[in-house]
Amino acid sequence: MSSGALFDGNGLRPGLYDASVACLDPPMTVTPFDGTVDAMTAVMATARARDDRMGEFAAMYAAVTRRVRGLAAQGSFADSERMAGFVDLFAARFLEAVRARDEGRPVTRSWSVAFSASGRWRTGVLRNLLLGMTAHIGLDLGIVAAEVATGPTGHGLDAMRADFDSINAVLASLVPAVENAVSELSPAIGLLDRAGGAADAFAIARVINVARDIAWANANELAPLDPDSRAQAIDHLDEEVAERARLIENPGFVMSSVFLPIRLMERRSLGDSMDVLGSIA
């Protein structure tokens, strides 16, 4: 879905989520970064009301976007305007997936796995985040990179490689903060970390690194294709990413038996979880 259905020139369009821009004074300039943060906040509000664990991913997403917004304001990207458009399109894919799920419409296989797992008690906070990252970075990031690179202001993939790498550097820099948040929310993982394990940091960093590399390869595959060929290629890539997500969702008997006691020790409410994850940046 094009971001134009979700965003206008000043950010998130009013009406997609009731809480999105209602609190903003009319004279205030709303950037795409602001619109994304507002949209994620609205997703979180709905998640609290529905006890929807996907609110954990939205909370982390809002925190990451705030970090990127701050860096853009400091001129840290080669093309801040292009980066703002990139953030628009990237967020739109997650927001549209959430809305499609809520309306009973089809979603990509990758997001279907993540949404299905987030609705099950056994999944737990770490796997919930990993599944969201797998779908959004592993599939959506490459699609958006190709769209932006071949758009009217894209100037090709080579021109945006520096900013693509910068975004991934931001994600990597936040791994320790996400690790601390997961350890706080999951006492068993916290115990492992204090014992020198840091399994959550390894898992998060591994998923980000693999998904990032896949995203750039996907962008290079998709960029030169015509619309019909691109749609067919995206469908094929979606199945590949979904298969990786299924391995996180169902890692086999041994790993599932490890995850169960970890999940049993997670007692924090969804609201607490979103508060902790939303404060990582």
C-alpha atoms as a PDB file:
ATOM      1  CA  MET A   1       0.000   0.000   0.000  1.00  0.00           C
ATOM      2  CA  SER A   2       1.298   3.453  -0.831  1.00  0.00           C
ATOM      3  CA  SER A   3       1.995   5.728   2.104  1.00  0.00           C
ATOM      4  CA  GLY A   4      -0.303   8.279   0.473  1.00  0.00           C
ATOM      5  CA  ALA A   5      -3.276   6.339   1.827  1.00  0.00           C
ATOM      6  CA  LEU A   6      -2.015   6.797   5.348  1.00  0.00           C
ATOM      7  CA  PHE A   7      -0.065  10.053   5.245  1.00  0.00           C
ATOM      8  CA  ASP A   8      -0.401  13.478   3.700  1.00  0.00           C
ATOM      9  CA  GLY A   9       2.415  15.945   3.181  1.00  0.00           C
ATOM     10  CA  ASN A  10       2.541  16.802   6.856  1.00  0.00           C
ATOM     11  CA  GLY A  11       2.537  13.333   8.330  1.00  0.00           C
ATOM     12  CA  LEU A  12      -0.158  10.887   9.432  1.00  0.00           C
ATOM     13  CA  ARG A  13      -3.601  11.690   8.130  1.00  0.00           C
ATOM     14  CA  PRO A  14      -6.205  12.336  10.845  1.00  0.00           C
ATOM     15  CA  GLY A  15      -8.768   9.594  11.143  1.00  0.00           C
ATOM     16  CA  LEU A  16      -6.612   6.490  10.670  1.00  0.00           C
ATOM     17  CA  TYR A  17      -6.290   6.215  14.441  1.00  0.00           C
ATOM     18  CA  ASP A  18      -8.398   8.480  16.604  1.00  0.00           C
ATOM     19  CA  ALA A  19      -5.551   9.373  18.946  1.00  0.00           C
ATOM     20  CA  SER A  20      -3.068  10.161  16.201  1.00  0.00           C
ATOM     21  CA  VAL A  21      -3.079  13.937  15.863  1.00  0.00           C
ATOM     22  CA  ALA A  22      -5.955  15.146  17.993  1.00  0.00           C
ATOM     23  CA  CYS A  23      -3.644  16.630  20.605  1.00  0.00           C
ATOM     24  CA  LEU A  24      -1.693  18.805  18.147  1.00  0.00           C
ATOM     25  CA  ASP A  25      -2.335  22.531  17.854  1.00  0.00           C
ATOM     26  CA  PRO A  26      -3.125  23.561  14.241  1.00  0.00           C
ATOM     27  CA  PRO A  27      -0.096  25.882  13.799  1.00  0.00           C
ATOM     28  CA  MET A  28       2.353  23.107  14.703  1.00  0.00           C
ATOM     29  CA  THR A  29       4.308  21.604  11.800  1.00  0.00           C
ATOM     30  CA  VAL A  30       3.893  17.845  11.881  1.00  0.00           C
ATOM     31  CA  THR A  31       6.818  15.974  10.351  1.00  0.00           C
ATOM     32  CA  PRO A  32       6.613  12.390   9.063  1.00  0.00           C
ATOM     33  CA  PHE A  33       8.639  11.394  12.134  1.00  0.00           C
ATOM     34  CA  ASP A  34       6.034  13.008  14.400  1.00  0.00           C
ATOM     35  CA  GLY A  35       3.238  11.328  12.472  1.00  0.00           C
ATOM     36  CA  THR A  36       4.861   7.937  12.887  1.00  0.00           C
ATOM     37  CA  VAL A  37       5.340   8.406  16.630  1.00  0.00           C
ATOM     38  CA  ASP A  38       1.709   9.526  16.965  1.00  0.00           C
ATOM     39  CA  ALA A  39       0.515   6.530  14.950  1.00  0.00           C
ATOM     40  CA  MET A  40       2.500   4.087  17.074  1.00  0.00           C
ATOM     41  CA  THR A  41       1.148   5.752  20.216  1.00  0.00           C
ATOM     42  CA  ALA A  42      -2.370   5.225  18.890  1.00  0.00           C
ATOM     43  CA  VAL A  43      -1.620   1.565  18.116  1.00  0.00           C
ATOM     44  CA  MET A  44      -0.344   1.215  21.673  1.00  0.00           C
ATOM     45  CA  ALA A  45      -3.521   2.776  23.082  1.00  0.00           C
ATOM     46  CA  THR A  46      -5.663   0.330  21.121  1.00  0.00           C
ATOM     47  CA  ALA A  47      -3.391  -2.526  22.196  1.00  0.00           C
ATOM     48  CA  ARG A  48      -3.831  -1.617  25.865  1.00  0.00           C
ATOM     49  CA  ALA A  49      -7.613  -1.726  25.455  1.00  0.00           C
ATOM     50  CA  ARG A  50      -7.512  -5.078  23.656  1.00  0.00           C
ATOM     51  CA  ASP A  51      -4.600  -6.657  25.534  1.00  0.00           C
ATOM     52  CA  ASP A  52      -2.868  -7.009  22.163  1.00  0.00           C
ATOM     53  CA  ARG A  53       0.808  -7.968  22.606  1.00  0.00           C
ATOM     54  CA  MET A  54       1.686  -6.370  19.251  1.00  0.00           C
ATOM     55  CA  GLY A  55       1.631  -3.168  21.289  1.00  0.00           C
ATOM     56  CA  GLU A  56       5.087  -4.190  22.546  1.00  0.00           C
ATOM     57  CA  PHE A  57       6.509  -3.946  19.028  1.00  0.00           C
ATOM     58  CA  ALA A  58       4.713  -0.626  18.468  1.00  0.00           C
ATOM     59  CA  ALA A  59       6.213   0.748  21.689  1.00  0.00           C
ATOM     60  CA  MET A  60       9.726  -0.196  20.608  1.00  0.00           C
ATOM     61  CA  TYR A  61       8.995   1.211  17.148  1.00  0.00           C
ATOM     62  CA  ALA A  62       7.964   4.569  18.606  1.00  0.00           C
ATOM     63  CA  ALA A  63      11.178   4.726  20.634  1.00  0.00           C
ATOM     64  CA  VAL A  64      13.341   3.944  17.597  1.00  0.00           C
ATOM     65  CA  THR A  65      11.511   6.589  15.543  1.00  0.00           C
ATOM     66  CA  ARG A  66      12.147   9.198  18.220  1.00  0.00           C
ATOM     67  CA  ARG A  67      15.865   8.377  18.021  1.00  0.00           C
ATOM     68  CA  VAL A  68      15.858   8.664  14.203  1.00  0.00           C
ATOM     69  CA  ARG A  69      13.911  11.944  14.423  1.00  0.00           C
ATOM     70  CA  GLY A  70      16.537  13.372  16.732  1.00  0.00           C
ATOM     71  CA  LEU A  71      19.369  12.312  14.449  1.00  0.00           C
ATOM     72  CA  ALA A  72      17.618  13.787  11.410  1.00  0.00           C
ATOM     73  CA  ALA A  73      17.221  17.095  13.238  1.00  0.00           C
ATOM     74  CA  GLN A  74      20.984  17.050  13.859  1.00  0.00           C
ATOM     75  CA  GLY A  75      21.686  16.526  10.151  1.00  0.00           C
ATOM     76  CA  SER A  76      23.048  13.029  10.680  1.00  0.00           C
ATOM     77  CA  PHE A  77      21.691  11.655   7.389  1.00  0.00           C
ATOM     78  CA  ALA A  78      22.897  12.350   3.853  1.00  0.00           C
ATOM     79  CA  ASP A  79      19.379  13.389   2.807  1.00  0.00           C
ATOM     80  CA  SER A  80      17.061  14.154   5.735  1.00  0.00           C
ATOM     81  CA  GLU A  81      14.061  14.839   3.473  1.00  0.00           C
ATOM     82  CA  ARG A  82      14.457  11.506   1.726  1.00  0.00           C
ATOM     83  CA  MET A  83      14.894   9.827   5.103  1.00  0.00           C
ATOM     84  CA  ALA A  84      11.620  11.364   6.296  1.00  0.00           C
ATOM     85  CA  GLY A  85       9.849   9.940   3.256  1.00  0.00           C
ATOM     86  CA  PHE A  86      11.516   6.608   3.886  1.00  0.00           C
ATOM     87  CA  VAL A  87      10.232   6.572   7.478  1.00  0.00           C
ATOM     88  CA  ASP A  88       6.744   7.426   6.162  1.00  0.00           C
ATOM     89  CA  LEU A  89       6.652   4.492   3.765  1.00  0.00           C
ATOM     90  CA  PHE A  90       8.302   2.069   6.157  1.00  0.00           C
ATOM     91  CA  ALA A  91       5.904   2.807   9.010  1.00  0.00           C
ATOM     92  CA  ALA A  92       2.959   2.676   6.619  1.00  0.00           C
ATOM     93  CA  ARG A  93       3.606  -0.997   5.904  1.00  0.00           C
ATOM     94  CA  PHE A  94       3.374  -1.912   9.598  1.00  0.00           C
ATOM     95  CA  LEU A  95       0.370   0.350  10.190  1.00  0.00           C
ATOM     96  CA  GLU A  96      -1.465  -1.052   7.171  1.00  0.00           C
ATOM     97  CA  ALA A  97      -0.692  -4.601   8.317  1.00  0.00           C
ATOM     98  CA  VAL A  98      -2.193  -3.825  11.750  1.00  0.00           C
ATOM     99  CA  ARG A  99      -5.246  -2.226  10.210  1.00  0.00           C
ATOM    100  CA  ALA A 100      -5.744  -5.078   7.732  1.00  0.00           C
ATOM    101  CA  ARG A 101      -5.517  -7.600  10.560  1.00  0.00           C
ATOM    102  CA  ASP A 102      -8.072  -5.666  12.613  1.00  0.00           C
ATOM    103  CA  GLU A 103     -10.433  -5.440   9.638  1.00  0.00           C
ATOM    104  CA  GLY A 104     -10.072  -9.109   8.752  1.00  0.00           C
ATOM    105  CA  ARG A 105      -8.276  -8.418   5.469  1.00  0.00           C
ATOM    106  CA  PRO A 106      -5.278 -10.446   4.231  1.00  0.00           C
ATOM    107  CA  VAL A 107      -1.798  -9.505   5.404  1.00  0.00           C
ATOM    108  CA  THR A 108       1.593 -10.695   4.208  1.00  0.00           C
ATOM    109  CA  ARG A 109       2.591 -14.166   5.360  1.00  0.00           C
ATOM    110  CA  SER A 110       5.429 -12.661   7.367  1.00  0.00           C
ATOM    111  CA  TRP A 111       3.108 -10.421   9.364  1.00  0.00           C
ATOM    112  CA  SER A 112       0.544 -13.194   9.636  1.00  0.00           C
ATOM    113  CA  VAL A 113       3.073 -15.320  11.526  1.00  0.00           C
ATOM    114  CA  ALA A 114       3.965 -12.412  13.820  1.00  0.00           C
ATOM    115  CA  PHE A 115       0.329 -11.492  14.518  1.00  0.00           C
ATOM    116  CA  SER A 116      -0.653 -15.104  15.145  1.00  0.00           C
ATOM    117  CA  ALA A 117       2.199 -15.641  17.592  1.00  0.00           C
ATOM    118  CA  SER A 118       1.531 -12.386  19.452  1.00  0.00           C
ATOM    119  CA  GLY A 119      -1.964 -13.650  20.209  1.00  0.00           C
ATOM    120  CA  ARG A 120      -0.646 -16.722  22.002  1.00  0.00           C
ATOM    121  CA  TRP A 121       0.409 -16.674  25.630  1.00  0.00           C
ATOM    122  CA  ARG A 122       3.466 -18.895  25.098  1.00  0.00           C
ATOM    123  CA  THR A 123       5.255 -16.511  22.753  1.00  0.00           C
ATOM    124  CA  GLY A 124       6.681 -14.118  25.349  1.00  0.00           C
ATOM    125  CA  VAL A 125       8.206 -10.685  24.937  1.00  0.00           C
ATOM    126  CA  LEU A 126      11.520 -11.660  23.296  1.00  0.00           C
ATOM    127  CA  ARG A 127      10.032 -13.837  20.561  1.00  0.00           C
ATOM    128  CA  ASN A 128       7.244 -11.314  20.012  1.00  0.00           C
ATOM    129  CA  LEU A 129       9.818  -8.610  19.267  1.00  0.00           C
ATOM    130  CA  LEU A 130      11.941 -10.934  17.133  1.00  0.00           C
ATOM    131  CA  LEU A 131       8.940 -11.862  14.993  1.00  0.00           C
ATOM    132  CA  GLY A 132       8.019  -8.215  14.479  1.00  0.00           C
ATOM    133  CA  MET A 133      11.607  -7.412  13.478  1.00  0.00           C
ATOM    134  CA  THR A 134      11.715 -10.363  11.103  1.00  0.00           C
ATOM    135  CA  ALA A 135       8.598  -9.260   9.239  1.00  0.00           C
ATOM    136  CA  HIS A 136       9.324  -5.541   9.225  1.00  0.00           C
ATOM    137  CA  ILE A 137      13.060  -5.550   8.541  1.00  0.00           C
ATOM    138  CA  GLY A 138      13.290  -8.817   6.620  1.00  0.00           C
ATOM    139  CA  LEU A 139      10.439  -8.063   4.208  1.00  0.00           C
ATOM    140  CA  ASP A 140       9.163  -4.487   4.513  1.00  0.00           C
ATOM    141  CA  LEU A 141      12.543  -2.745   4.627  1.00  0.00           C
ATOM    142  CA  GLY A 142      13.703  -4.093   1.275  1.00  0.00           C
ATOM    143  CA  ILE A 143      10.390  -3.263  -0.379  1.00  0.00           C
ATOM    144  CA  VAL A 144      10.474   0.312   0.888  1.00  0.00           C
ATOM    145  CA  ALA A 145      14.131   0.786  -0.025  1.00  0.00           C
ATOM    146  CA  ALA A 146      13.339  -0.239  -3.611  1.00  0.00           C
ATOM    147  CA  GLU A 147      10.282   2.052  -3.715  1.00  0.00           C
ATOM    148  CA  VAL A 148      12.182   5.070  -2.426  1.00  0.00           C
ATOM    149  CA  ALA A 149      15.245   4.426  -4.592  1.00  0.00           C
ATOM    150  CA  THR A 150      13.166   4.204  -7.782  1.00  0.00           C
ATOM    151  CA  GLY A 151      10.797   7.041  -6.854  1.00  0.00           C
ATOM    152  CA  PRO A 152      10.965  10.591  -8.235  1.00  0.00           C
ATOM    153  CA  THR A 153      13.518  11.742  -5.631  1.00  0.00           C
ATOM    154  CA  GLY A 154      15.261   8.419  -5.027  1.00  0.00           C
ATOM    155  CA  HIS A 155      18.255   8.652  -7.400  1.00  0.00           C
ATOM    156  CA  GLY A 156      18.843   4.892  -7.195  1.00  0.00           C
ATOM    157  CA  LEU A 157      19.935   2.473  -4.515  1.00  0.00           C
ATOM    158  CA  ASP A 158      23.570   3.557  -4.541  1.00  0.00           C
ATOM    159  CA  ALA A 159      22.551   7.101  -3.603  1.00  0.00           C
ATOM    160  CA  MET A 160      20.635   5.930  -0.540  1.00  0.00           C
ATOM    161  CA  ARG A 161      23.034   3.238   0.662  1.00  0.00           C
ATOM    162  CA  ALA A 162      24.660   5.556   3.219  1.00  0.00           C
ATOM    163  CA  ASP A 163      21.319   6.416   4.822  1.00  0.00           C
ATOM    164  CA  PHE A 164      20.219   2.768   4.695  1.00  0.00           C
ATOM    165  CA  ASP A 165      23.376   1.845   6.607  1.00  0.00           C
ATOM    166  CA  SER A 166      22.806   4.721   9.017  1.00  0.00           C
ATOM    167  CA  ILE A 167      19.353   3.426   9.913  1.00  0.00           C
ATOM    168  CA  ASN A 168      20.783  -0.007  10.551  1.00  0.00           C
ATOM    169  CA  ALA A 169      23.514   1.548  12.705  1.00  0.00           C
ATOM    170  CA  VAL A 170      20.763   3.156  14.788  1.00  0.00           C
ATOM    171  CA  LEU A 171      19.069  -0.225  15.200  1.00  0.00           C
ATOM    172  CA  ALA A 172      22.349  -1.834  16.214  1.00  0.00           C
ATOM    173  CA  SER A 173      23.079   0.933  18.714  1.00  0.00           C
ATOM    174  CA  LEU A 174      19.761   0.264  20.437  1.00  0.00           C
ATOM    175  CA  VAL A 175      20.378  -3.456  20.942  1.00  0.00           C
ATOM    176  CA  PRO A 176      21.831  -3.000  24.468  1.00  0.00           C
ATOM    177  CA  ALA A 177      18.828  -0.882  25.478  1.00  0.00           C
ATOM    178  CA  VAL A 178      16.399  -3.461  24.085  1.00  0.00           C
ATOM    179  CA  GLU A 179      18.381  -6.175  25.882  1.00  0.00           C
ATOM    180  CA  ASN A 180      18.025  -4.292  29.182  1.00  0.00           C
ATOM    181  CA  ALA A 181      14.300  -3.831  28.589  1.00  0.00           C
ATOM    182  CA  VAL A 182      13.756  -7.514  27.794  1.00  0.00           C
ATOM    183  CA  SER A 183      15.800  -8.512  30.840  1.00  0.00           C
ATOM    184  CA  GLU A 184      13.661  -6.275  33.018  1.00  0.00           C
ATOM    185  CA  LEU A 185      10.433  -7.718  31.610  1.00  0.00           C
ATOM    186  CA  SER A 186      11.606 -11.336  31.557  1.00  0.00           C
ATOM    187  CA  PRO A 187      13.254 -12.329  34.870  1.00  0.00           C
ATOM    188  CA  ALA A 188      14.627 -15.623  33.525  1.00  0.00           C
ATOM    189  CA  ILE A 189      16.414 -13.836  30.705  1.00  0.00           C
ATOM    190  CA  GLY A 190      17.644 -11.280  33.209  1.00  0.00           C
ATOM    191  CA  LEU A 191      19.178 -14.086  35.259  1.00  0.00           C
ATOM    192  CA  LEU A 192      20.898 -15.449  32.159  1.00  0.00           C
ATOM    193  CA  ASP A 193      22.279 -12.011  31.361  1.00  0.00           C
ATOM    194  CA  ARG A 194      23.687 -11.581  34.851  1.00  0.00           C
ATOM    195  CA  ALA A 195      25.295 -14.998  34.505  1.00  0.00           C
ATOM    196  CA  GLY A 196      27.020 -13.827  31.355  1.00  0.00           C
ATOM    197  CA  GLY A 197      24.651 -15.363  28.834  1.00  0.00           C
ATOM    198  CA  ALA A 198      23.103 -12.306  27.127  1.00  0.00           C
ATOM    199  CA  ALA A 199      21.091 -14.664  24.923  1.00  0.00           C
ATOM    200  CA  ASP A 200      18.532 -11.953  24.205  1.00  0.00           C
ATOM    201  CA  ALA A 201      21.160  -9.511  22.947  1.00  0.00           C
ATOM    202  CA  PHE A 202      22.611 -12.199  20.699  1.00  0.00           C
ATOM    203  CA  ALA A 203      19.186 -13.142  19.338  1.00  0.00           C
ATOM    204  CA  ILE A 204      18.143  -9.531  18.719  1.00  0.00           C
ATOM    205  CA  ALA A 205      21.438  -8.586  17.079  1.00  0.00           C
ATOM    206  CA  ARG A 206      21.381 -11.748  14.970  1.00  0.00           C
ATOM    207  CA  VAL A 207      17.840 -11.136  13.710  1.00  0.00           C
ATOM    208  CA  ILE A 208      18.608  -7.481  12.928  1.00  0.00           C
ATOM    209  CA  ASN A 209      21.832  -8.308  11.086  1.00  0.00           C
ATOM    210  CA  VAL A 210      20.364 -11.144   9.045  1.00  0.00           C
ATOM    211  CA  ALA A 211      17.162  -9.242   8.260  1.00  0.00           C
ATOM    212  CA  ARG A 212      19.142  -6.120   7.280  1.00  0.00           C
ATOM    213  CA  ASP A 213      21.321  -8.036   4.835  1.00  0.00           C
ATOM    214  CA  ILE A 214      18.273  -9.761   3.379  1.00  0.00           C
ATOM    215  CA  ALA A 215      16.509  -6.401   3.054  1.00  0.00           C
ATOM    216  CA  TRP A 216      19.330  -4.865   1.031  1.00  0.00           C
ATOM    217  CA  ALA A 217      19.551  -7.937  -1.222  1.00  0.00           C
ATOM    218  CA  ASN A 218      15.770  -7.799  -1.671  1.00  0.00           C
ATOM    219  CA  ALA A 219      15.921  -4.092  -2.545  1.00  0.00           C
ATOM    220  CA  ASN A 220      18.491  -4.810  -5.249  1.00  0.00           C
ATOM    221  CA  GLU A 221      16.328  -7.589  -6.629  1.00  0.00           C
ATOM    222  CA  LEU A 222      13.143  -5.503  -6.621  1.00  0.00           C
ATOM    223  CA  ALA A 223      14.406  -2.105  -7.785  1.00  0.00           C
ATOM    224  CA  PRO A 224      14.835  -2.888 -11.513  1.00  0.00           C
ATOM    225  CA  LEU A 225      11.535  -4.767 -11.886  1.00  0.00           C
ATOM    226  CA  ASP A 226       8.316  -3.502 -13.471  1.00  0.00           C
ATOM    227  CA  PRO A 227       5.263  -3.345 -11.150  1.00  0.00           C
ATOM    228  CA  ASP A 228       3.853  -6.766 -12.059  1.00  0.00           C
ATOM    229  CA  SER A 229       7.214  -8.528 -11.801  1.00  0.00           C
ATOM    230  CA  ARG A 230       7.924  -6.712  -8.545  1.00  0.00           C
ATOM    231  CA  ALA A 231       4.627  -7.889  -7.053  1.00  0.00           C
ATOM    232  CA  GLN A 232       5.448 -11.494  -7.982  1.00  0.00           C
ATOM    233  CA  ALA A 233       8.939 -11.190  -6.524  1.00  0.00           C
ATOM    234  CA  ILE A 234       7.576  -9.702  -3.285  1.00  0.00           C
ATOM    235  CA  ASP A 235       5.201 -12.637  -2.941  1.00  0.00           C
ATOM    236  CA  HIS A 236       8.123 -15.047  -3.277  1.00  0.00           C
ATOM    237  CA  LEU A 237      10.265 -13.085  -0.803  1.00  0.00           C
ATOM    238  CA  ASP A 238       7.369 -12.960   1.650  1.00  0.00           C
ATOM    239  CA  GLU A 239       7.229 -16.751   1.766  1.00  0.00           C
ATOM    240  CA  GLU A 240      10.989 -16.938   2.406  1.00  0.00           C
ATOM    241  CA  VAL A 241      10.781 -14.454   5.292  1.00  0.00           C
ATOM    242  CA  ALA A 242       7.670 -16.150   6.678  1.00  0.00           C
ATOM    243  CA  GLU A 243       9.545 -19.456   6.756  1.00  0.00           C
ATOM    244  CA  ARG A 244      12.274 -17.878   8.886  1.00  0.00           C
ATOM    245  CA  ALA A 245       9.592 -16.402  11.127  1.00  0.00           C
ATOM    246  CA  ARG A 246       8.005 -19.826  11.578  1.00  0.00           C
ATOM    247  CA  LEU A 247      11.306 -21.136  12.911  1.00  0.00           C
ATOM    248  CA  ILE A 248      11.207 -18.429  15.599  1.00  0.00           C
ATOM    249  CA  GLU A 249       7.550 -19.159  16.306  1.00  0.00           C
ATOM    250  CA  ASN A 250       8.057 -22.951  16.475  1.00  0.00           C
ATOM    251  CA  PRO A 251      11.752 -23.650  17.151  1.00  0.00           C
ATOM    252  CA  GLY A 252      11.243 -27.324  17.892  1.00  0.00           C
ATOM    253  CA  PHE A 253      10.673 -29.330  21.055  1.00  0.00           C
ATOM    254  CA  VAL A 254      14.001 -28.632  22.766  1.00  0.00           C
ATOM    255  CA  MET A 255      13.965 -24.854  22.320  1.00  0.00           C
ATOM    256  CA  SER A 256      10.237 -24.680  23.052  1.00  0.00           C
ATOM    257  CA  SER A 257      10.888 -26.431  26.355  1.00  0.00           C
ATOM    258  CA  VAL A 258      13.507 -23.768  27.110  1.00  0.00           C
ATOM    259  CA  PHE A 259      11.175 -20.894  26.246  1.00  0.00           C
ATOM    260  CA  LEU A 260       8.307 -22.205  28.395  1.00  0.00           C
ATOM    261  CA  PRO A 261       9.885 -21.584  31.849  1.00  0.00           C
ATOM    262  CA  ILE A 262      11.149 -18.217  30.571  1.00  0.00           C
ATOM    263  CA  ARG A 263       7.573 -17.288  29.683  1.00  0.00           C
ATOM    264  CA  LEU A 264       6.214 -18.616  32.981  1.00  0.00           C
ATOM    265  CA  MET A 265       8.373 -16.100  34.868  1.00  0.00           C
ATOM    266  CA  GLU A 266       7.096 -13.128  32.850  1.00  0.00           C
ATOM    267  CA  ARG A 267       4.492 -11.528  35.096  1.00  0.00           C
ATOM    268  CA  ARG A 268       4.504  -7.872  34.004  1.00  0.00           C
ATOM    269  CA  SER A 269       1.338  -6.474  32.458  1.00  0.00           C
ATOM    270  CA  LEU A 270       1.148  -5.433  28.825  1.00  0.00           C
ATOM    271  CA  GLY A 271       0.985  -1.821  29.942  1.00  0.00           C
ATOM    272  CA  ASP A 272       4.198  -2.197  31.932  1.00  0.00           C
ATOM    273  CA  SER A 273       5.851  -3.930  28.996  1.00  0.00           C
ATOM    274  CA  MET A 274       4.952  -1.140  26.575  1.00  0.00           C
ATOM    275  CA  ASP A 275       6.133   1.502  29.041  1.00  0.00           C
ATOM    276  CA  VAL A 276       9.524  -0.168  29.407  1.00  0.00           C
ATOM    277  CA  LEU A 277      10.012  -0.786  25.679  1.00  0.00           C
ATOM    278  CA  GLY A 278       8.800   2.695  24.806  1.00  0.00           C
ATOM    279  CA  SER A 279      11.542   4.275  26.910  1.00  0.00           C
ATOM    280  CA  ILE A 280      14.554   2.550  25.356  1.00  0.00           C
ATOM    281  CA  ALA A 281      15.676   5.577  23.312  1.00  0.00           C
END
